[in-house]
Each structure stands twice: as C-alpha cells, then as structure tokens.
Amino acid sequence: MSETIQLALAFSGALLAGLLLGAIFFGGLWWTVQKGVSAWQPVLWFSLSLLLRVSIALTGFYFVGGSDWKRLLVCLGGFIIARLIVTRLTGKAVSPKTNIGEASHAP
C-alpha cells in the first residue's frame, strides 16, 4: 500500500473518531440539559455529566492523536463538525427578546 493511501486512511479514521467523540460530547450535553432542568439536584447531573463527557473526549483525543499532531488536528476538526451537526439536529438556539421599553444599545 502506498504511503498516500495509508495517510488518507489514518486521517479518515481520525475524522470519524472526532465525529464520534463530538457526537458523544454534544449529544450528552443536550441530553443532560433535557434531564437536568427537571432533576431534583441539577448540580449533580451537570457536574457528573461534565466530568464524564470531558473524560471520554480527552481519552479519545489522547488515543486518536497518539504522537501525531496532524491526526489530533483532524480529530478536532471532526469534533467541531459534530458540534455543528448536533446543534442543527437538536434545534435552533432561541435569542433573548428585549423589552420594548428598554434601549437595545448602550448609552
């Protein structure tokens, strides 16, 4: 197998791993917000979820990146793409409405 094909396979694997890590991280965040807002102790939900999601993401980045910064960068790109996908799938962000009596700019 040529070196170019091996490099392309390594980068595509890193991209898929980044997409998976991002889907787990941001999907888990969405799930946590859905469950945490009505939980009896939301601080516990959000704290444990953050710890678990960050641990999974950092461990995944460690194993995918290895000693090659290029694979780590491609994995990060997949992670960011997953954020965009999860954001689009879970709905649009609601912008806060301003009161009519208040100015919308600073004096």
C-alpha atoms as a PDB file:
ATOM      1  CA  MET A   1       0.000   0.000   0.000  1.00  0.00           C
ATOM      2  CA  SER A   2       1.356   3.401  -0.864  1.00  0.00           C
ATOM      3  CA  GLU A   3       2.135   5.971   1.753  1.00  0.00           C
ATOM      4  CA  THR A   4      -0.557   8.332   0.469  1.00  0.00           C
ATOM      5  CA  ILE A   5      -3.293   5.743   0.902  1.00  0.00           C
ATOM      6  CA  GLN A   6      -2.091   4.912   4.409  1.00  0.00           C
ATOM      7  CA  LEU A   7      -2.088   8.600   5.303  1.00  0.00           C
ATOM      8  CA  ALA A   8      -5.596   9.074   3.878  1.00  0.00           C
ATOM      9  CA  LEU A   9      -6.898   6.093   5.871  1.00  0.00           C
ATOM     10  CA  ALA A  10      -5.304   7.380   9.065  1.00  0.00           C
ATOM     11  CA  PHE A  11      -6.808  10.836   8.579  1.00  0.00           C
ATOM     12  CA  SER A  12     -10.252   9.487   7.679  1.00  0.00           C
ATOM     13  CA  GLY A  13     -10.164   7.316  10.800  1.00  0.00           C
ATOM     14  CA  ALA A  14      -9.195  10.336  12.884  1.00  0.00           C
ATOM     15  CA  LEU A  15     -12.017  12.338  11.329  1.00  0.00           C
ATOM     16  CA  LEU A  16     -14.555   9.609  12.094  1.00  0.00           C
ATOM     17  CA  ALA A  17     -13.235   9.322  15.638  1.00  0.00           C
ATOM     18  CA  GLY A  18     -13.584  13.092  16.064  1.00  0.00           C
ATOM     19  CA  LEU A  19     -17.146  12.941  14.767  1.00  0.00           C
ATOM     20  CA  LEU A  20     -17.955  10.155  17.217  1.00  0.00           C
ATOM     21  CA  LEU A  21     -16.329  11.946  20.147  1.00  0.00           C
ATOM     22  CA  GLY A  22     -18.156  15.155  19.275  1.00  0.00           C
ATOM     23  CA  ALA A  23     -21.485  13.337  18.943  1.00  0.00           C
ATOM     24  CA  ILE A  24     -20.982  11.759  22.361  1.00  0.00           C
ATOM     25  CA  PHE A  25     -19.900  15.050  23.949  1.00  0.00           C
ATOM     26  CA  PHE A  26     -22.526  17.371  22.495  1.00  0.00           C
ATOM     27  CA  GLY A  27     -25.290  14.761  22.385  1.00  0.00           C
ATOM     28  CA  GLY A  28     -24.578  14.075  26.035  1.00  0.00           C
ATOM     29  CA  LEU A  29     -24.727  17.781  26.765  1.00  0.00           C
ATOM     30  CA  TRP A  30     -28.116  18.050  25.069  1.00  0.00           C
ATOM     31  CA  TRP A  31     -29.395  15.009  26.993  1.00  0.00           C
ATOM     32  CA  THR A  32     -28.063  16.436  30.266  1.00  0.00           C
ATOM     33  CA  VAL A  33     -29.848  19.740  29.737  1.00  0.00           C
ATOM     34  CA  GLN A  34     -33.089  17.910  28.922  1.00  0.00           C
ATOM     35  CA  LYS A  35     -32.891  15.777  32.079  1.00  0.00           C
ATOM     36  CA  GLY A  36     -31.091  18.220  34.351  1.00  0.00           C
ATOM     37  CA  VAL A  37     -33.545  21.094  34.263  1.00  0.00           C
ATOM     38  CA  SER A  38     -36.261  18.968  35.864  1.00  0.00           C
ATOM     39  CA  ALA A  39     -33.993  16.943  38.161  1.00  0.00           C
ATOM     40  CA  TRP A  40     -34.142  17.110  41.925  1.00  0.00           C
ATOM     41  CA  GLN A  41     -30.416  18.005  42.147  1.00  0.00           C
ATOM     42  CA  PRO A  42     -29.414  19.583  38.829  1.00  0.00           C
ATOM     43  CA  VAL A  43     -25.924  20.456  40.089  1.00  0.00           C
ATOM     44  CA  LEU A  44     -25.173  16.770  40.481  1.00  0.00           C
ATOM     45  CA  TRP A  45     -26.468  15.984  36.982  1.00  0.00           C
ATOM     46  CA  PHE A  46     -24.483  18.737  35.313  1.00  0.00           C
ATOM     47  CA  SER A  47     -21.299  18.113  37.294  1.00  0.00           C
ATOM     48  CA  LEU A  48     -21.201  14.371  36.708  1.00  0.00           C
ATOM     49  CA  SER A  49     -22.142  14.793  33.073  1.00  0.00           C
ATOM     50  CA  LEU A  50     -19.351  17.314  32.539  1.00  0.00           C
ATOM     51  CA  LEU A  51     -16.827  15.034  34.213  1.00  0.00           C
ATOM     52  CA  LEU A  52     -17.894  12.023  32.161  1.00  0.00           C
ATOM     53  CA  ARG A  53     -18.092  13.870  28.824  1.00  0.00           C
ATOM     54  CA  VAL A  54     -14.718  15.595  29.243  1.00  0.00           C
ATOM     55  CA  SER A  55     -13.092  12.330  30.354  1.00  0.00           C
ATOM     56  CA  ILE A  56     -14.392  10.485  27.299  1.00  0.00           C
ATOM     57  CA  ALA A  57     -13.379  13.285  24.923  1.00  0.00           C
ATOM     58  CA  LEU A  58      -9.869  13.724  26.330  1.00  0.00           C
ATOM     59  CA  THR A  59      -9.216   9.985  26.426  1.00  0.00           C
ATOM     60  CA  GLY A  60     -10.408   9.690  22.843  1.00  0.00           C
ATOM     61  CA  PHE A  61      -8.206  12.569  21.703  1.00  0.00           C
ATOM     62  CA  TYR A  62      -5.241  11.025  23.513  1.00  0.00           C
ATOM     63  CA  PHE A  63      -5.595   7.666  21.798  1.00  0.00           C
ATOM     64  CA  VAL A  64      -6.502   9.028  18.363  1.00  0.00           C
ATOM     65  CA  GLY A  65      -3.805  11.694  18.297  1.00  0.00           C
ATOM     66  CA  GLY A  66      -1.023   9.488  19.583  1.00  0.00           C
ATOM     67  CA  SER A  67       2.174  11.320  18.816  1.00  0.00           C
ATOM     68  CA  ASP A  68       0.990  12.860  15.532  1.00  0.00           C
ATOM     69  CA  TRP A  69      -0.299  16.415  15.787  1.00  0.00           C
ATOM     70  CA  LYS A  70      -1.871  16.162  12.325  1.00  0.00           C
ATOM     71  CA  ARG A  71      -4.187  13.319  13.371  1.00  0.00           C
ATOM     72  CA  LEU A  72      -5.051  15.260  16.503  1.00  0.00           C
ATOM     73  CA  LEU A  73      -5.939  18.299  14.405  1.00  0.00           C
ATOM     74  CA  VAL A  74      -8.112  16.213  12.051  1.00  0.00           C
ATOM     75  CA  CYS A  75      -9.833  14.668  15.071  1.00  0.00           C
ATOM     76  CA  LEU A  76     -10.509  18.155  16.431  1.00  0.00           C
ATOM     77  CA  GLY A  77     -11.993  19.105  13.061  1.00  0.00           C
ATOM     78  CA  GLY A  78     -14.361  16.140  13.265  1.00  0.00           C
ATOM     79  CA  PHE A  79     -15.274  17.158  16.819  1.00  0.00           C
ATOM     80  CA  ILE A  80     -16.204  20.662  15.631  1.00  0.00           C
ATOM     81  CA  ILE A  81     -18.185  19.287  12.680  1.00  0.00           C
ATOM     82  CA  ALA A  82     -20.099  17.049  15.105  1.00  0.00           C
ATOM     83  CA  ARG A  83     -20.938  20.132  17.167  1.00  0.00           C
ATOM     84  CA  LEU A  84     -22.481  21.772  14.123  1.00  0.00           C
ATOM     85  CA  ILE A  85     -24.442  18.623  13.260  1.00  0.00           C
ATOM     86  CA  VAL A  86     -25.764  18.090  16.795  1.00  0.00           C
ATOM     87  CA  THR A  87     -26.700  21.759  17.066  1.00  0.00           C
ATOM     88  CA  ARG A  88     -28.638  21.560  13.830  1.00  0.00           C
ATOM     89  CA  LEU A  89     -30.374  18.302  14.768  1.00  0.00           C
ATOM     90  CA  THR A  90     -31.414  19.374  18.261  1.00  0.00           C
ATOM     91  CA  GLY A  91     -32.929  22.708  17.279  1.00  0.00           C
ATOM     92  CA  LYS A  92     -32.014  26.291  16.892  1.00  0.00           C
ATOM     93  CA  ALA A  93     -30.914  28.492  19.757  1.00  0.00           C
ATOM     94  CA  VAL A  94     -33.522  30.954  20.932  1.00  0.00           C
ATOM     95  CA  SER A  95     -32.339  34.536  21.070  1.00  0.00           C
ATOM     96  CA  PRO A  96     -33.393  36.516  24.124  1.00  0.00           C
ATOM     97  CA  LYS A  97     -36.128  39.066  23.476  1.00  0.00           C
ATOM     98  CA  THR A  98     -35.586  42.625  24.543  1.00  0.00           C
ATOM     99  CA  ASN A  99     -38.252  44.589  26.364  1.00  0.00           C
ATOM    100  CA  ILE A 100     -39.890  47.295  24.317  1.00  0.00           C
ATOM    101  CA  GLY A 101     -39.259  49.939  26.963  1.00  0.00           C
ATOM    102  CA  GLU A 102     -35.526  49.275  27.112  1.00  0.00           C
ATOM    103  CA  ALA A 103     -32.935  50.567  24.711  1.00  0.00           C
ATOM    104  CA  SER A 104     -31.214  47.917  22.651  1.00  0.00           C
ATOM    105  CA  HIS A 105     -27.881  49.737  22.790  1.00  0.00           C
ATOM    106  CA  ALA A 106     -25.584  51.200  25.407  1.00  0.00           C
ATOM    107  CA  PRO A 107     -25.776  54.983  26.107  1.00  0.00           C
END
